[in-house]
Amino acid sequence: MTETERQPSRQLTEDECWGLLSRAPYGRIASSAAGEIDIFPVNHRTDGHSIVFRTSAGRKLVELTIRNSVAFEIDGHDDREAFSVVVKGIAEEFDRDAEVRDAERLGVHPWAPEEKDRWVRITPTSVQGRVFDLVTGPSS
């Protein structure tokens, strides 16, 4: 497909966004505290219409405790299309035994070697995404 044949970006439905979120192996969480903005890569899983990930004590968890309003983003592409999904929501650590057991069943396996013994859930306030065609011919 050439540049002139491309269709405009298309907004994804919320169901399409959740489908992509459930298949993505990792995403990025953006948080802020004390006037600083940070972005952290995390392995995650979806649990219904929430996002669950594991972390360790440290800057990420401190920031989420200070200001729990976050953005979570995934993106990807294949040979024809690229997509981006952004979830805005509230991040909360959880540690009740039943919730942790349920979360463990989701199969969240962090790639980083450090112990990730803290659990966080993002409850969305908005979910938006878009998809667009990629150019496959020579660019002008």
N, C-alpha and C. Protein backbone atom coordinates (compact mmCIF):
# COMPACT_ATOMS: atom_id res chain seq x y z
N MET A 1 0.84 -1.17 0.00
CA MET A 1 0.00 0.00 0.00
C MET A 1 0.89 1.24 0.00
N THR A 2 0.60 2.17 -0.86
CA THR A 2 1.39 3.39 -0.93
C THR A 2 0.78 4.45 -0.02
N GLU A 3 1.52 5.50 0.19
CA GLU A 3 1.07 6.60 1.06
C GLU A 3 -0.28 7.14 0.62
N THR A 4 -0.50 7.29 -0.68
CA THR A 4 -1.75 7.87 -1.17
C THR A 4 -2.93 6.90 -1.07
N GLU A 5 -2.68 5.61 -0.92
CA GLU A 5 -3.75 4.61 -0.80
C GLU A 5 -4.18 4.37 0.64
N ARG A 6 -3.44 4.90 1.58
CA ARG A 6 -3.75 4.63 2.99
C ARG A 6 -5.06 5.26 3.43
N GLN A 7 -5.80 4.52 4.23
CA GLN A 7 -7.02 5.03 4.84
C GLN A 7 -6.64 5.83 6.08
N PRO A 8 -7.50 6.74 6.53
CA PRO A 8 -7.22 7.47 7.78
C PRO A 8 -7.19 6.51 8.97
N SER A 9 -6.55 6.94 10.04
CA SER A 9 -6.55 6.13 11.26
C SER A 9 -7.98 5.85 11.67
N ARG A 10 -8.18 4.66 12.24
CA ARG A 10 -9.51 4.27 12.70
C ARG A 10 -9.48 4.09 14.20
N GLN A 11 -10.47 4.65 14.88
CA GLN A 11 -10.60 4.46 16.31
C GLN A 11 -11.04 3.03 16.57
N LEU A 12 -10.41 2.39 17.53
CA LEU A 12 -10.77 1.03 17.91
C LEU A 12 -11.95 1.07 18.88
N THR A 13 -12.79 0.05 18.83
CA THR A 13 -13.84 -0.07 19.82
C THR A 13 -13.21 -0.49 21.15
N GLU A 14 -13.95 -0.33 22.22
CA GLU A 14 -13.42 -0.75 23.52
C GLU A 14 -13.16 -2.25 23.54
N ASP A 15 -14.03 -3.04 22.92
CA ASP A 15 -13.80 -4.50 22.85
C ASP A 15 -12.52 -4.82 22.07
N GLU A 16 -12.28 -4.11 20.96
CA GLU A 16 -11.05 -4.33 20.20
C GLU A 16 -9.83 -3.98 21.05
N CYS A 17 -9.93 -2.89 21.81
CA CYS A 17 -8.83 -2.49 22.70
C CYS A 17 -8.53 -3.58 23.72
N TRP A 18 -9.58 -4.12 24.35
CA TRP A 18 -9.37 -5.16 25.36
C TRP A 18 -8.81 -6.44 24.73
N GLY A 19 -9.20 -6.73 23.51
CA GLY A 19 -8.62 -7.89 22.82
C GLY A 19 -7.13 -7.72 22.62
N LEU A 20 -6.71 -6.53 22.19
CA LEU A 20 -5.28 -6.26 22.01
C LEU A 20 -4.55 -6.24 23.34
N LEU A 21 -5.15 -5.64 24.36
CA LEU A 21 -4.52 -5.62 25.69
C LEU A 21 -4.32 -7.04 26.23
N SER A 22 -5.27 -7.91 25.99
CA SER A 22 -5.16 -9.27 26.53
C SER A 22 -4.08 -10.08 25.82
N ARG A 23 -3.74 -9.72 24.58
CA ARG A 23 -2.72 -10.47 23.84
C ARG A 23 -1.32 -9.86 23.94
N ALA A 24 -1.21 -8.64 24.41
CA ALA A 24 0.10 -7.96 24.47
C ALA A 24 0.94 -8.56 25.60
N PRO A 25 2.21 -8.86 25.35
CA PRO A 25 3.05 -9.45 26.40
C PRO A 25 3.54 -8.43 27.43
N TYR A 26 3.55 -7.18 27.06
CA TYR A 26 4.00 -6.14 27.98
C TYR A 26 3.40 -4.80 27.57
N GLY A 27 3.48 -3.86 28.48
CA GLY A 27 3.02 -2.50 28.22
C GLY A 27 3.88 -1.53 29.01
N ARG A 28 3.48 -0.29 29.00
CA ARG A 28 4.20 0.75 29.72
C ARG A 28 3.23 1.51 30.60
N ILE A 29 3.63 1.71 31.85
CA ILE A 29 2.80 2.48 32.76
C ILE A 29 3.46 3.83 32.99
N ALA A 30 2.69 4.89 32.85
CA ALA A 30 3.19 6.25 33.08
C ALA A 30 2.56 6.77 34.36
N SER A 31 3.42 7.28 35.24
CA SER A 31 2.95 7.82 36.51
C SER A 31 3.72 9.10 36.82
N SER A 32 3.21 9.83 37.78
CA SER A 32 3.92 11.06 38.15
C SER A 32 3.82 11.27 39.65
N ALA A 33 4.85 11.87 40.18
CA ALA A 33 4.89 12.23 41.60
C ALA A 33 5.95 13.31 41.77
N ALA A 34 5.66 14.26 42.62
CA ALA A 34 6.60 15.34 42.94
C ALA A 34 7.09 16.06 41.67
N GLY A 35 6.19 16.24 40.72
CA GLY A 35 6.54 16.97 39.51
C GLY A 35 7.35 16.19 38.50
N GLU A 36 7.61 14.93 38.75
CA GLU A 36 8.36 14.07 37.83
C GLU A 36 7.42 13.07 37.17
N ILE A 37 7.63 12.84 35.89
CA ILE A 37 6.87 11.84 35.15
C ILE A 37 7.81 10.68 34.83
N ASP A 38 7.34 9.47 35.07
CA ASP A 38 8.13 8.28 34.78
C ASP A 38 7.31 7.32 33.93
N ILE A 39 8.01 6.54 33.12
CA ILE A 39 7.39 5.48 32.33
C ILE A 39 8.14 4.20 32.63
N PHE A 40 7.38 3.16 32.99
CA PHE A 40 7.98 1.88 33.36
C PHE A 40 7.41 0.77 32.48
N PRO A 41 8.25 -0.08 31.91
CA PRO A 41 7.73 -1.25 31.20
C PRO A 41 7.28 -2.30 32.23
N VAL A 42 6.16 -2.96 31.96
CA VAL A 42 5.67 -4.01 32.85
C VAL A 42 5.06 -5.14 32.03
N ASN A 43 5.22 -6.36 32.53
CA ASN A 43 4.49 -7.50 32.01
C ASN A 43 3.14 -7.47 32.72
N HIS A 44 2.10 -7.74 32.01
CA HIS A 44 0.77 -7.60 32.58
C HIS A 44 -0.15 -8.70 32.05
N ARG A 45 -1.32 -8.76 32.63
CA ARG A 45 -2.42 -9.57 32.14
C ARG A 45 -3.70 -8.76 32.38
N THR A 46 -4.72 -9.11 31.61
CA THR A 46 -6.01 -8.49 31.85
C THR A 46 -6.84 -9.44 32.71
N ASP A 47 -7.67 -8.85 33.54
CA ASP A 47 -8.56 -9.60 34.43
C ASP A 47 -9.94 -8.96 34.26
N GLY A 48 -10.71 -9.50 33.33
CA GLY A 48 -11.95 -8.81 32.99
C GLY A 48 -11.58 -7.50 32.32
N HIS A 49 -12.06 -6.41 32.88
CA HIS A 49 -11.71 -5.09 32.34
C HIS A 49 -10.83 -4.32 33.32
N SER A 50 -9.80 -4.99 33.79
CA SER A 50 -8.74 -4.33 34.56
C SER A 50 -7.41 -4.92 34.13
N ILE A 51 -6.34 -4.24 34.48
CA ILE A 51 -4.98 -4.66 34.13
C ILE A 51 -4.25 -4.98 35.42
N VAL A 52 -3.56 -6.13 35.44
CA VAL A 52 -2.85 -6.57 36.64
C VAL A 52 -1.39 -6.77 36.30
N PHE A 53 -0.50 -6.30 37.19
CA PHE A 53 0.92 -6.57 37.02
C PHE A 53 1.57 -6.73 38.38
N ARG A 54 2.77 -7.32 38.35
CA ARG A 54 3.57 -7.51 39.56
C ARG A 54 4.72 -6.53 39.53
N THR A 55 5.14 -6.11 40.72
CA THR A 55 6.28 -5.21 40.84
C THR A 55 6.97 -5.47 42.17
N SER A 56 7.99 -4.72 42.44
CA SER A 56 8.69 -4.83 43.72
C SER A 56 8.62 -3.47 44.41
N ALA A 57 9.00 -3.45 45.68
CA ALA A 57 9.06 -2.18 46.39
C ALA A 57 10.09 -1.31 45.67
N GLY A 58 9.78 -0.06 45.48
CA GLY A 58 10.69 0.84 44.79
C GLY A 58 9.96 2.04 44.24
N ARG A 59 10.62 2.75 43.36
CA ARG A 59 10.11 4.02 42.84
C ARG A 59 8.71 3.89 42.21
N LYS A 60 8.51 2.87 41.39
CA LYS A 60 7.22 2.69 40.73
C LYS A 60 6.09 2.58 41.76
N LEU A 61 6.28 1.72 42.74
CA LEU A 61 5.25 1.51 43.75
C LEU A 61 5.05 2.76 44.61
N VAL A 62 6.13 3.45 44.93
CA VAL A 62 6.02 4.69 45.70
C VAL A 62 5.20 5.72 44.93
N GLU A 63 5.50 5.88 43.64
CA GLU A 63 4.77 6.85 42.83
C GLU A 63 3.29 6.50 42.75
N LEU A 64 2.98 5.21 42.61
CA LEU A 64 1.59 4.80 42.52
C LEU A 64 0.85 5.02 43.84
N THR A 65 1.59 4.99 44.93
CA THR A 65 0.99 5.25 46.24
C THR A 65 0.74 6.73 46.44
N ILE A 66 1.67 7.56 45.97
CA ILE A 66 1.53 9.02 46.12
C ILE A 66 0.42 9.55 45.22
N ARG A 67 0.44 9.13 43.98
CA ARG A 67 -0.56 9.61 42.99
C ARG A 67 -0.95 8.41 42.14
N ASN A 68 -2.16 7.90 42.37
CA ASN A 68 -2.53 6.64 41.74
C ASN A 68 -3.22 6.79 40.38
N SER A 69 -3.30 8.00 39.86
CA SER A 69 -3.83 8.21 38.52
C SER A 69 -2.71 7.94 37.52
N VAL A 70 -2.94 6.97 36.61
CA VAL A 70 -1.89 6.52 35.70
C VAL A 70 -2.41 6.40 34.27
N ALA A 71 -1.48 6.23 33.36
CA ALA A 71 -1.79 5.85 31.98
C ALA A 71 -1.01 4.57 31.69
N PHE A 72 -1.63 3.69 30.93
CA PHE A 72 -1.01 2.43 30.54
C PHE A 72 -1.13 2.33 29.03
N GLU A 73 -0.06 1.94 28.35
CA GLU A 73 -0.06 1.95 26.89
C GLU A 73 0.56 0.67 26.34
N ILE A 74 -0.04 0.17 25.26
CA ILE A 74 0.56 -0.89 24.47
C ILE A 74 0.54 -0.44 23.02
N ASP A 75 1.41 -1.00 22.23
CA ASP A 75 1.37 -0.76 20.79
C ASP A 75 1.97 -1.96 20.09
N GLY A 76 1.75 -2.02 18.80
CA GLY A 76 2.28 -3.14 18.04
C GLY A 76 1.95 -2.98 16.57
N HIS A 77 2.39 -3.96 15.79
CA HIS A 77 2.14 -3.92 14.35
C HIS A 77 2.30 -5.32 13.76
N ASP A 78 1.76 -5.45 12.57
CA ASP A 78 2.03 -6.63 11.75
C ASP A 78 2.50 -6.10 10.40
N ASP A 79 2.42 -6.89 9.35
CA ASP A 79 2.89 -6.44 8.04
C ASP A 79 2.02 -5.35 7.43
N ARG A 80 0.77 -5.24 7.87
CA ARG A 80 -0.16 -4.30 7.25
C ARG A 80 -0.55 -3.12 8.11
N GLU A 81 -0.67 -3.32 9.43
CA GLU A 81 -1.23 -2.31 10.31
C GLU A 81 -0.38 -2.10 11.56
N ALA A 82 -0.57 -0.92 12.15
CA ALA A 82 0.00 -0.63 13.46
C ALA A 82 -1.14 -0.15 14.36
N PHE A 83 -0.98 -0.38 15.66
CA PHE A 83 -2.02 0.03 16.60
C PHE A 83 -1.41 0.60 17.86
N SER A 84 -2.23 1.33 18.60
CA SER A 84 -1.87 1.86 19.90
C SER A 84 -3.12 1.87 20.76
N VAL A 85 -2.97 1.43 22.02
CA VAL A 85 -4.08 1.46 22.97
C VAL A 85 -3.58 2.15 24.23
N VAL A 86 -4.38 3.11 24.72
CA VAL A 86 -4.04 3.83 25.95
C VAL A 86 -5.20 3.67 26.93
N VAL A 87 -4.85 3.23 28.13
CA VAL A 87 -5.81 3.08 29.22
C VAL A 87 -5.44 4.11 30.28
N LYS A 88 -6.38 4.93 30.67
CA LYS A 88 -6.18 5.82 31.81
C LYS A 88 -6.99 5.26 32.96
N GLY A 89 -6.43 5.33 34.17
CA GLY A 89 -7.15 4.75 35.28
C GLY A 89 -6.48 4.97 36.62
N ILE A 90 -6.96 4.21 37.57
CA ILE A 90 -6.50 4.29 38.96
C ILE A 90 -5.75 3.00 39.28
N ALA A 91 -4.50 3.14 39.73
CA ALA A 91 -3.68 1.99 40.10
C ALA A 91 -3.71 1.81 41.61
N GLU A 92 -3.96 0.59 42.04
CA GLU A 92 -3.99 0.30 43.47
C GLU A 92 -3.29 -1.02 43.75
N GLU A 93 -2.44 -1.00 44.77
CA GLU A 93 -1.81 -2.23 45.22
C GLU A 93 -2.85 -3.07 45.95
N PHE A 94 -2.77 -4.39 45.78
CA PHE A 94 -3.66 -5.27 46.52
C PHE A 94 -2.87 -6.42 47.12
N ASP A 95 -3.33 -6.90 48.27
CA ASP A 95 -2.61 -7.98 48.93
C ASP A 95 -3.52 -8.97 49.66
N ARG A 96 -4.83 -8.85 49.48
CA ARG A 96 -5.73 -9.83 50.09
C ARG A 96 -5.47 -11.19 49.45
N ASP A 97 -5.42 -12.23 50.28
CA ASP A 97 -5.08 -13.58 49.81
C ASP A 97 -5.90 -14.02 48.61
N ALA A 98 -7.21 -13.83 48.66
CA ALA A 98 -8.07 -14.29 47.57
C ALA A 98 -7.76 -13.54 46.28
N GLU A 99 -7.53 -12.24 46.37
CA GLU A 99 -7.21 -11.46 45.18
C GLU A 99 -5.86 -11.87 44.60
N VAL A 100 -4.88 -12.11 45.46
CA VAL A 100 -3.56 -12.53 45.00
C VAL A 100 -3.64 -13.91 44.34
N ARG A 101 -4.38 -14.83 44.92
CA ARG A 101 -4.55 -16.16 44.31
C ARG A 101 -5.17 -16.04 42.92
N ASP A 102 -6.20 -15.21 42.81
CA ASP A 102 -6.85 -15.01 41.51
C ASP A 102 -5.86 -14.41 40.51
N ALA A 103 -5.07 -13.44 40.95
CA ALA A 103 -4.10 -12.79 40.08
C ALA A 103 -3.00 -13.77 39.66
N GLU A 104 -2.56 -14.62 40.56
CA GLU A 104 -1.54 -15.61 40.23
C GLU A 104 -2.01 -16.56 39.14
N ARG A 105 -3.29 -16.85 39.11
CA ARG A 105 -3.85 -17.73 38.08
C ARG A 105 -3.80 -17.10 36.69
N LEU A 106 -3.65 -15.78 36.63
CA LEU A 106 -3.57 -15.09 35.34
C LEU A 106 -2.25 -15.38 34.63
N GLY A 107 -1.22 -15.77 35.39
CA GLY A 107 0.06 -16.12 34.78
C GLY A 107 0.94 -14.92 34.46
N VAL A 108 0.97 -13.94 35.34
CA VAL A 108 1.86 -12.80 35.14
C VAL A 108 3.27 -13.23 35.51
N HIS A 109 4.17 -13.25 34.53
CA HIS A 109 5.55 -13.67 34.75
C HIS A 109 6.48 -12.54 34.31
N PRO A 110 6.97 -11.74 35.26
CA PRO A 110 7.87 -10.64 34.89
C PRO A 110 9.14 -11.14 34.22
N TRP A 111 9.62 -10.38 33.27
CA TRP A 111 10.86 -10.71 32.58
C TRP A 111 12.08 -10.35 33.42
N ALA A 112 11.99 -9.29 34.19
CA ALA A 112 13.13 -8.84 35.00
C ALA A 112 13.42 -9.87 36.09
N PRO A 113 14.70 -10.06 36.44
CA PRO A 113 15.06 -11.12 37.38
C PRO A 113 14.76 -10.79 38.85
N GLU A 114 14.52 -9.54 39.18
CA GLU A 114 14.26 -9.18 40.57
C GLU A 114 12.93 -9.77 41.03
N GLU A 115 12.84 -10.03 42.33
CA GLU A 115 11.60 -10.56 42.87
C GLU A 115 10.50 -9.50 42.76
N LYS A 116 9.38 -9.89 42.22
CA LYS A 116 8.22 -9.01 42.03
C LYS A 116 7.10 -9.57 42.90
N ASP A 117 7.08 -9.17 44.17
CA ASP A 117 6.15 -9.76 45.11
C ASP A 117 4.98 -8.85 45.48
N ARG A 118 4.84 -7.72 44.79
CA ARG A 118 3.73 -6.80 45.03
C ARG A 118 2.83 -6.81 43.81
N TRP A 119 1.53 -6.72 44.05
CA TRP A 119 0.52 -6.78 42.99
C TRP A 119 -0.19 -5.45 42.85
N VAL A 120 -0.41 -5.04 41.59
CA VAL A 120 -1.10 -3.78 41.31
C VAL A 120 -2.18 -4.03 40.28
N ARG A 121 -3.32 -3.39 40.48
CA ARG A 121 -4.44 -3.46 39.53
C ARG A 121 -4.73 -2.04 39.05
N ILE A 122 -4.89 -1.90 37.74
CA ILE A 122 -5.33 -0.64 37.15
C ILE A 122 -6.80 -0.79 36.79
N THR A 123 -7.63 0.03 37.41
CA THR A 123 -9.05 0.07 37.09
C THR A 123 -9.26 1.24 36.14
N PRO A 124 -9.69 0.98 34.92
CA PRO A 124 -9.77 2.02 33.89
C PRO A 124 -10.84 3.07 34.15
N THR A 125 -10.53 4.29 33.77
CA THR A 125 -11.52 5.36 33.67
C THR A 125 -11.78 5.67 32.20
N SER A 126 -10.83 5.32 31.32
CA SER A 126 -11.03 5.43 29.87
C SER A 126 -10.12 4.45 29.15
N VAL A 127 -10.60 3.96 28.02
CA VAL A 127 -9.85 3.03 27.17
C VAL A 127 -10.03 3.50 25.74
N GLN A 128 -8.93 3.84 25.09
CA GLN A 128 -8.99 4.32 23.71
C GLN A 128 -7.86 3.71 22.90
N GLY A 129 -8.11 3.53 21.63
CA GLY A 129 -7.08 3.00 20.76
C GLY A 129 -7.34 3.40 19.32
N ARG A 130 -6.31 3.22 18.52
CA ARG A 130 -6.44 3.49 17.09
C ARG A 130 -5.57 2.53 16.33
N VAL A 131 -5.93 2.34 15.07
CA VAL A 131 -5.19 1.47 14.17
C VAL A 131 -5.05 2.21 12.85
N PHE A 132 -3.93 1.98 12.18
CA PHE A 132 -3.74 2.62 10.88
C PHE A 132 -2.91 1.72 9.99
N ASP A 133 -3.11 1.89 8.68
CA ASP A 133 -2.38 1.11 7.68
C ASP A 133 -0.93 1.56 7.64
N LEU A 134 -0.05 0.61 7.39
CA LEU A 134 1.37 0.92 7.19
C LEU A 134 1.66 1.09 5.71
N VAL A 135 2.61 1.91 5.40
CA VAL A 135 3.05 2.10 4.01
C VAL A 135 3.97 0.95 3.67
N THR A 136 3.73 0.29 2.55
CA THR A 136 4.60 -0.81 2.15
C THR A 136 5.41 -0.49 0.90
N GLY A 137 5.06 0.58 0.22
CA GLY A 137 5.81 0.96 -0.99
C GLY A 137 6.86 1.99 -0.68
N PRO A 138 7.59 2.44 -1.69
CA PRO A 138 8.61 3.48 -1.47
C PRO A 138 7.95 4.77 -1.00
N SER A 139 8.61 5.45 -0.10
CA SER A 139 8.07 6.73 0.38
C SER A 139 8.51 7.85 -0.56
N SER A 140 7.71 8.90 -0.58
CA SER A 140 8.04 10.02 -1.46
C SER A 140 8.67 11.16 -0.73
